[in-house]
Amino acid sequence: MTEISLRRARWAWCVGTAVLVPAAVLTTAQTARAEGGGAARAVSVALVSWGANAHGQLGNGTTTDRSTPGVVRLPSGTTPTGARAAQFSLAVTDTGMVYAWGDNSAGELGNGSTTDSSLPVPVQLPAGVKVTAVRAGSKFALALTTDGQVLAWGSNANGMLGNGKRADSDVRSEE
């Protein structure tokens, strides 16, 4: 049996559709209770999400809304260090990878398609590039790399990708 502990979050993001926060995932066998309080040892760090889920932006493999926290189904062994949510969601990992899920109508998942995903999919980053932070805009995404470069993908209707064009991009733009 697994329970979720919503500990003091170092980061959280909500834009009216989905909420993502870090949580320690504990097992009952590893939870110790003390008189007058409790103590627990974290097994791993996970993302939990709840809210609207029409496009799969909660990352739990469904499109069903949730009013209580549920674990985002990131690949096994993935440790999230940051996340952002809108109609789609993004997570950056401790290895510098980026995962995205939810609405993909303008290519905001950065995986080379425009098909929504209710599970996290890896963003197609340039070879050897590692990301330190992500931001989810209105149908577009931004990622800051370890060398200070900003990558952008998704809707470019108003020039949000900063590449001098107006065409959407379903893969990251380095221009």
C-alpha atoms as a PDB file:
ATOM      1  CA  MET A   1       0.000   0.000   0.000  1.00  0.00           C
ATOM      2  CA  THR A   2       1.369   3.437  -0.933  1.00  0.00           C
ATOM      3  CA  GLU A   3       0.374   6.704   0.656  1.00  0.00           C
ATOM      4  CA  ILE A   4       1.270  10.205  -0.432  1.00  0.00           C
ATOM      5  CA  SER A   5       2.652  12.777   1.930  1.00  0.00           C
ATOM      6  CA  LEU A   6       2.276  16.359   0.768  1.00  0.00           C
ATOM      7  CA  ARG A   7       5.274  17.839   2.536  1.00  0.00           C
ATOM      8  CA  ARG A   8       6.251  21.476   2.418  1.00  0.00           C
ATOM      9  CA  ALA A   9       6.635  22.137  -1.309  1.00  0.00           C
ATOM     10  CA  ARG A  10       9.722  23.899  -2.641  1.00  0.00           C
ATOM     11  CA  TRP A  11       7.772  24.668  -5.814  1.00  0.00           C
ATOM     12  CA  ALA A  12       4.226  24.453  -7.078  1.00  0.00           C
ATOM     13  CA  TRP A  13       2.357  25.747 -10.092  1.00  0.00           C
ATOM     14  CA  CYS A  14      -1.303  26.158 -10.943  1.00  0.00           C
ATOM     15  CA  VAL A  15      -2.945  27.872 -13.893  1.00  0.00           C
ATOM     16  CA  GLY A  16      -6.586  27.043 -13.310  1.00  0.00           C
ATOM     17  CA  THR A  17      -6.384  23.590 -14.833  1.00  0.00           C
ATOM     18  CA  ALA A  18      -3.872  21.366 -13.061  1.00  0.00           C
ATOM     19  CA  VAL A  19      -1.837  21.578  -9.885  1.00  0.00           C
ATOM     20  CA  LEU A  20       1.597  19.934  -9.656  1.00  0.00           C
ATOM     21  CA  VAL A  21       3.556  19.682  -6.419  1.00  0.00           C
ATOM     22  CA  PRO A  22       6.432  17.519  -5.215  1.00  0.00           C
ATOM     23  CA  ALA A  23       5.647  14.881  -2.637  1.00  0.00           C
ATOM     24  CA  ALA A  24       7.501  12.203  -0.782  1.00  0.00           C
ATOM     25  CA  VAL A  25       6.081   8.799  -1.619  1.00  0.00           C
ATOM     26  CA  LEU A  26       6.010   6.590   1.464  1.00  0.00           C
ATOM     27  CA  THR A  27       5.069   2.996   2.067  1.00  0.00           C
ATOM     28  CA  THR A  28       3.223   1.987   5.218  1.00  0.00           C
ATOM     29  CA  ALA A  29       5.982  -0.471   6.070  1.00  0.00           C
ATOM     30  CA  GLN A  30       8.467   2.389   6.089  1.00  0.00           C
ATOM     31  CA  THR A  31       6.335   4.868   8.017  1.00  0.00           C
ATOM     32  CA  ALA A  32       7.260   5.204  11.662  1.00  0.00           C
ATOM     33  CA  ARG A  33       4.850   6.759  14.132  1.00  0.00           C
ATOM     34  CA  ALA A  34       6.037   8.476  17.281  1.00  0.00           C
ATOM     35  CA  GLU A  35       4.038   9.547  20.309  1.00  0.00           C
ATOM     36  CA  GLY A  36       2.778  13.100  19.875  1.00  0.00           C
ATOM     37  CA  GLY A  37       3.749  13.196  16.217  1.00  0.00           C
ATOM     38  CA  GLY A  38       5.051  11.126  13.393  1.00  0.00           C
ATOM     39  CA  ALA A  39       8.154  10.473  11.381  1.00  0.00           C
ATOM     40  CA  ALA A  40       8.566   8.989   7.952  1.00  0.00           C
ATOM     41  CA  ARG A  41      11.362   8.217   5.559  1.00  0.00           C
ATOM     42  CA  ALA A  42      10.890   9.222   1.939  1.00  0.00           C
ATOM     43  CA  VAL A  43      11.217   6.346  -0.511  1.00  0.00           C
ATOM     44  CA  SER A  44      11.337   8.627  -3.538  1.00  0.00           C
ATOM     45  CA  VAL A  45      10.250  12.036  -4.750  1.00  0.00           C
ATOM     46  CA  ALA A  46       7.231  12.155  -7.042  1.00  0.00           C
ATOM     47  CA  LEU A  47       4.928  14.707  -8.598  1.00  0.00           C
ATOM     48  CA  VAL A  48       1.309  14.756  -7.584  1.00  0.00           C
ATOM     49  CA  SER A  49      -1.423  16.491  -9.546  1.00  0.00           C
ATOM     50  CA  TRP A  50      -5.120  17.279  -9.402  1.00  0.00           C
ATOM     51  CA  GLY A  51      -7.658  19.472 -11.159  1.00  0.00           C
ATOM     52  CA  ALA A  52      -9.018  19.576 -14.712  1.00  0.00           C
ATOM     53  CA  ASN A  53      -7.754  16.816 -16.991  1.00  0.00           C
ATOM     54  CA  ALA A  54      -9.522  17.129 -20.365  1.00  0.00           C
ATOM     55  CA  HIS A  55      -6.227  16.760 -22.260  1.00  0.00           C
ATOM     56  CA  GLY A  56      -4.455  14.382 -19.855  1.00  0.00           C
ATOM     57  CA  GLN A  57      -2.531  17.220 -18.194  1.00  0.00           C
ATOM     58  CA  LEU A  58      -2.533  15.388 -14.843  1.00  0.00           C
ATOM     59  CA  GLY A  59      -0.198  12.751 -16.285  1.00  0.00           C
ATOM     60  CA  ASN A  60      -1.980   9.765 -14.753  1.00  0.00           C
ATOM     61  CA  GLY A  61      -2.924   7.974 -17.983  1.00  0.00           C
ATOM     62  CA  THR A  62      -6.542   9.227 -18.000  1.00  0.00           C
ATOM     63  CA  THR A  63      -8.551  12.289 -18.991  1.00  0.00           C
ATOM     64  CA  THR A  64     -10.670  12.190 -15.831  1.00  0.00           C
ATOM     65  CA  ASP A  65     -10.657  15.277 -13.573  1.00  0.00           C
ATOM     66  CA  ARG A  66      -9.358  14.748  -9.998  1.00  0.00           C
ATOM     67  CA  SER A  67     -10.246  16.697  -6.850  1.00  0.00           C
ATOM     68  CA  THR A  68      -7.635  14.894  -4.750  1.00  0.00           C
ATOM     69  CA  PRO A  69      -3.891  14.444  -5.369  1.00  0.00           C
ATOM     70  CA  GLY A  70      -2.744  11.549  -7.525  1.00  0.00           C
ATOM     71  CA  VAL A  71       0.775  10.571  -8.577  1.00  0.00           C
ATOM     72  CA  VAL A  72       2.002  11.651 -12.030  1.00  0.00           C
ATOM     73  CA  ARG A  73       3.186   8.537 -13.872  1.00  0.00           C
ATOM     74  CA  LEU A  74       6.756   9.578 -14.701  1.00  0.00           C
ATOM     75  CA  PRO A  75       9.089   6.838 -15.977  1.00  0.00           C
ATOM     76  CA  SER A  76      10.592   4.635 -13.264  1.00  0.00           C
ATOM     77  CA  GLY A  77      13.744   6.073 -11.723  1.00  0.00           C
ATOM     78  CA  THR A  78      12.878   9.652 -12.749  1.00  0.00           C
ATOM     79  CA  THR A  79      13.401  12.297 -10.051  1.00  0.00           C
ATOM     80  CA  PRO A  80      11.587  15.560 -10.814  1.00  0.00           C
ATOM     81  CA  THR A  81      13.258  18.809  -9.762  1.00  0.00           C
ATOM     82  CA  GLY A  82      10.672  21.228 -11.141  1.00  0.00           C
ATOM     83  CA  ALA A  83       7.360  21.294 -12.951  1.00  0.00           C
ATOM     84  CA  ARG A  84       4.865  23.652 -14.561  1.00  0.00           C
ATOM     85  CA  ALA A  85       1.242  23.146 -15.595  1.00  0.00           C
ATOM     86  CA  ALA A  86      -1.353  24.704 -17.875  1.00  0.00           C
ATOM     87  CA  GLN A  87      -3.462  22.758 -20.420  1.00  0.00           C
ATOM     88  CA  PHE A  88      -0.260  20.722 -20.667  1.00  0.00           C
ATOM     89  CA  SER A  89       2.371  19.975 -18.044  1.00  0.00           C
ATOM     90  CA  LEU A  90       6.162  19.903 -17.979  1.00  0.00           C
ATOM     91  CA  ALA A  91       8.691  18.370 -15.604  1.00  0.00           C
ATOM     92  CA  VAL A  92      12.466  18.699 -15.565  1.00  0.00           C
ATOM     93  CA  THR A  93      14.457  15.891 -13.959  1.00  0.00           C
ATOM     94  CA  ASP A  94      17.650  15.700 -11.937  1.00  0.00           C
ATOM     95  CA  THR A  95      19.396  14.374 -15.080  1.00  0.00           C
ATOM     96  CA  GLY A  96      18.383  17.413 -17.174  1.00  0.00           C
ATOM     97  CA  MET A  97      15.676  15.661 -19.202  1.00  0.00           C
ATOM     98  CA  VAL A  98      12.260  17.215 -19.806  1.00  0.00           C
ATOM     99  CA  TYR A  99       8.957  15.341 -19.884  1.00  0.00           C
ATOM    100  CA  ALA A 100       5.666  16.788 -21.128  1.00  0.00           C
ATOM    101  CA  TRP A 101       2.034  15.624 -21.163  1.00  0.00           C
ATOM    102  CA  GLY A 102      -1.476  16.949 -21.846  1.00  0.00           C
ATOM    103  CA  ASP A 103      -2.667  19.207 -24.687  1.00  0.00           C
ATOM    104  CA  ASN A 104      -0.448  19.028 -27.758  1.00  0.00           C
ATOM    105  CA  SER A 105      -2.565  20.805 -30.373  1.00  0.00           C
ATOM    106  CA  ALA A 106       0.248  23.262 -31.151  1.00  0.00           C
ATOM    107  CA  GLY A 107       3.178  20.921 -30.485  1.00  0.00           C
ATOM    108  CA  GLU A 108       3.628  22.051 -26.880  1.00  0.00           C
ATOM    109  CA  LEU A 109       4.825  18.583 -25.800  1.00  0.00           C
ATOM    110  CA  GLY A 110       7.911  18.993 -27.997  1.00  0.00           C
ATOM    111  CA  ASN A 111       7.902  15.371 -29.116  1.00  0.00           C
ATOM    112  CA  GLY A 112       7.501  15.849 -32.873  1.00  0.00           C
ATOM    113  CA  SER A 113       3.726  15.333 -32.953  1.00  0.00           C
ATOM    114  CA  THR A 114       0.501  17.175 -32.225  1.00  0.00           C
ATOM    115  CA  THR A 115      -1.261  14.288 -30.474  1.00  0.00           C
ATOM    116  CA  ASP A 116      -2.290  14.795 -26.823  1.00  0.00           C
ATOM    117  CA  SER A 117      -0.718  12.471 -24.253  1.00  0.00           C
ATOM    118  CA  SER A 118      -2.154  11.553 -20.844  1.00  0.00           C
ATOM    119  CA  LEU A 119       1.242  10.146 -19.834  1.00  0.00           C
ATOM    120  CA  PRO A 120       4.597  11.963 -19.700  1.00  0.00           C
ATOM    121  CA  VAL A 121       6.626  11.767 -22.933  1.00  0.00           C
ATOM    122  CA  PRO A 122      10.240  12.910 -23.355  1.00  0.00           C
ATOM    123  CA  VAL A 123      10.768  16.264 -25.043  1.00  0.00           C
ATOM    124  CA  GLN A 124      13.149  16.012 -28.018  1.00  0.00           C
ATOM    125  CA  LEU A 125      16.165  17.984 -26.796  1.00  0.00           C
ATOM    126  CA  PRO A 126      19.350  18.539 -28.816  1.00  0.00           C
ATOM    127  CA  ALA A 127      21.987  15.847 -28.218  1.00  0.00           C
ATOM    128  CA  GLY A 128      23.926  16.427 -25.004  1.00  0.00           C
ATOM    129  CA  VAL A 129      21.737  19.325 -23.830  1.00  0.00           C
ATOM    130  CA  LYS A 130      20.581  19.332 -20.207  1.00  0.00           C
ATOM    131  CA  VAL A 131      17.779  21.535 -18.879  1.00  0.00           C
ATOM    132  CA  THR A 132      17.647  23.214 -15.461  1.00  0.00           C
ATOM    133  CA  ALA A 133      14.215  24.907 -15.555  1.00  0.00           C
ATOM    134  CA  VAL A 134      10.975  24.849 -17.569  1.00  0.00           C
ATOM    135  CA  ARG A 135       7.992  27.173 -18.007  1.00  0.00           C
ATOM    136  CA  ALA A 136       4.591  26.424 -19.528  1.00  0.00           C
ATOM    137  CA  GLY A 137       2.989  29.307 -21.395  1.00  0.00           C
ATOM    138  CA  SER A 138      -0.322  29.467 -23.208  1.00  0.00           C
ATOM    139  CA  LYS A 139       0.268  26.584 -25.674  1.00  0.00           C
ATOM    140  CA  PHE A 140       4.067  26.988 -25.700  1.00  0.00           C
ATOM    141  CA  ALA A 141       6.985  25.854 -23.545  1.00  0.00           C
ATOM    142  CA  LEU A 142      10.353  27.294 -22.586  1.00  0.00           C
ATOM    143  CA  ALA A 143      13.388  25.480 -21.184  1.00  0.00           C
ATOM    144  CA  LEU A 144      16.591  26.942 -19.744  1.00  0.00           C
ATOM    145  CA  THR A 145      19.674  24.826 -20.450  1.00  0.00           C
ATOM    146  CA  THR A 146      22.745  24.409 -18.247  1.00  0.00           C
ATOM    147  CA  ASP A 147      24.719  26.666 -20.619  1.00  0.00           C
ATOM    148  CA  GLY A 148      22.130  29.471 -20.416  1.00  0.00           C
ATOM    149  CA  GLN A 149      20.422  28.832 -23.756  1.00  0.00           C
ATOM    150  CA  VAL A 150      16.630  29.088 -23.944  1.00  0.00           C
ATOM    151  CA  LEU A 151      14.752  26.507 -25.989  1.00  0.00           C
ATOM    152  CA  ALA A 152      11.145  27.100 -27.068  1.00  0.00           C
ATOM    153  CA  TRP A 153       8.436  25.015 -28.738  1.00  0.00           C
ATOM    154  CA  GLY A 154       4.666  24.970 -29.298  1.00  0.00           C
ATOM    155  CA  SER A 155       2.402  27.777 -30.470  1.00  0.00           C
ATOM    156  CA  ASN A 156       4.059  30.718 -32.147  1.00  0.00           C
ATOM    157  CA  ALA A 157       0.908  32.622 -33.160  1.00  0.00           C
ATOM    158  CA  ASN A 158       2.224  35.848 -31.623  1.00  0.00           C
ATOM    159  CA  GLY A 159       5.950  35.160 -31.964  1.00  0.00           C
ATOM    160  CA  MET A 160       6.266  33.636 -28.465  1.00  0.00           C
ATOM    161  CA  LEU A 161       9.069  31.280 -29.526  1.00  0.00           C
ATOM    162  CA  GLY A 162      11.369  34.212 -30.288  1.00  0.00           C
ATOM    163  CA  ASN A 163      12.609  32.788 -33.579  1.00  0.00           C
ATOM    164  CA  GLY A 164      11.372  35.581 -35.858  1.00  0.00           C
ATOM    165  CA  LYS A 165       8.645  33.382 -37.340  1.00  0.00           C
ATOM    166  CA  ARG A 166       4.933  32.835 -36.741  1.00  0.00           C
ATOM    167  CA  ALA A 167       4.727  29.062 -37.394  1.00  0.00           C
ATOM    168  CA  ASP A 168       4.104  26.616 -34.543  1.00  0.00           C
ATOM    169  CA  SER A 169       6.895  24.180 -33.730  1.00  0.00           C
ATOM    170  CA  ASP A 170       6.288  20.670 -32.397  1.00  0.00           C
ATOM    171  CA  VAL A 171       9.996  20.293 -31.608  1.00  0.00           C
ATOM    172  CA  ARG A 172      12.275  22.676 -29.748  1.00  0.00           C
ATOM    173  CA  SER A 173      13.492  25.790 -31.510  1.00  0.00           C
ATOM    174  CA  GLU A 174      17.046  27.005 -30.925  1.00  0.00           C
ATOM    175  CA  GLU A 175      16.754  30.078 -33.110  1.00  0.00           C
END
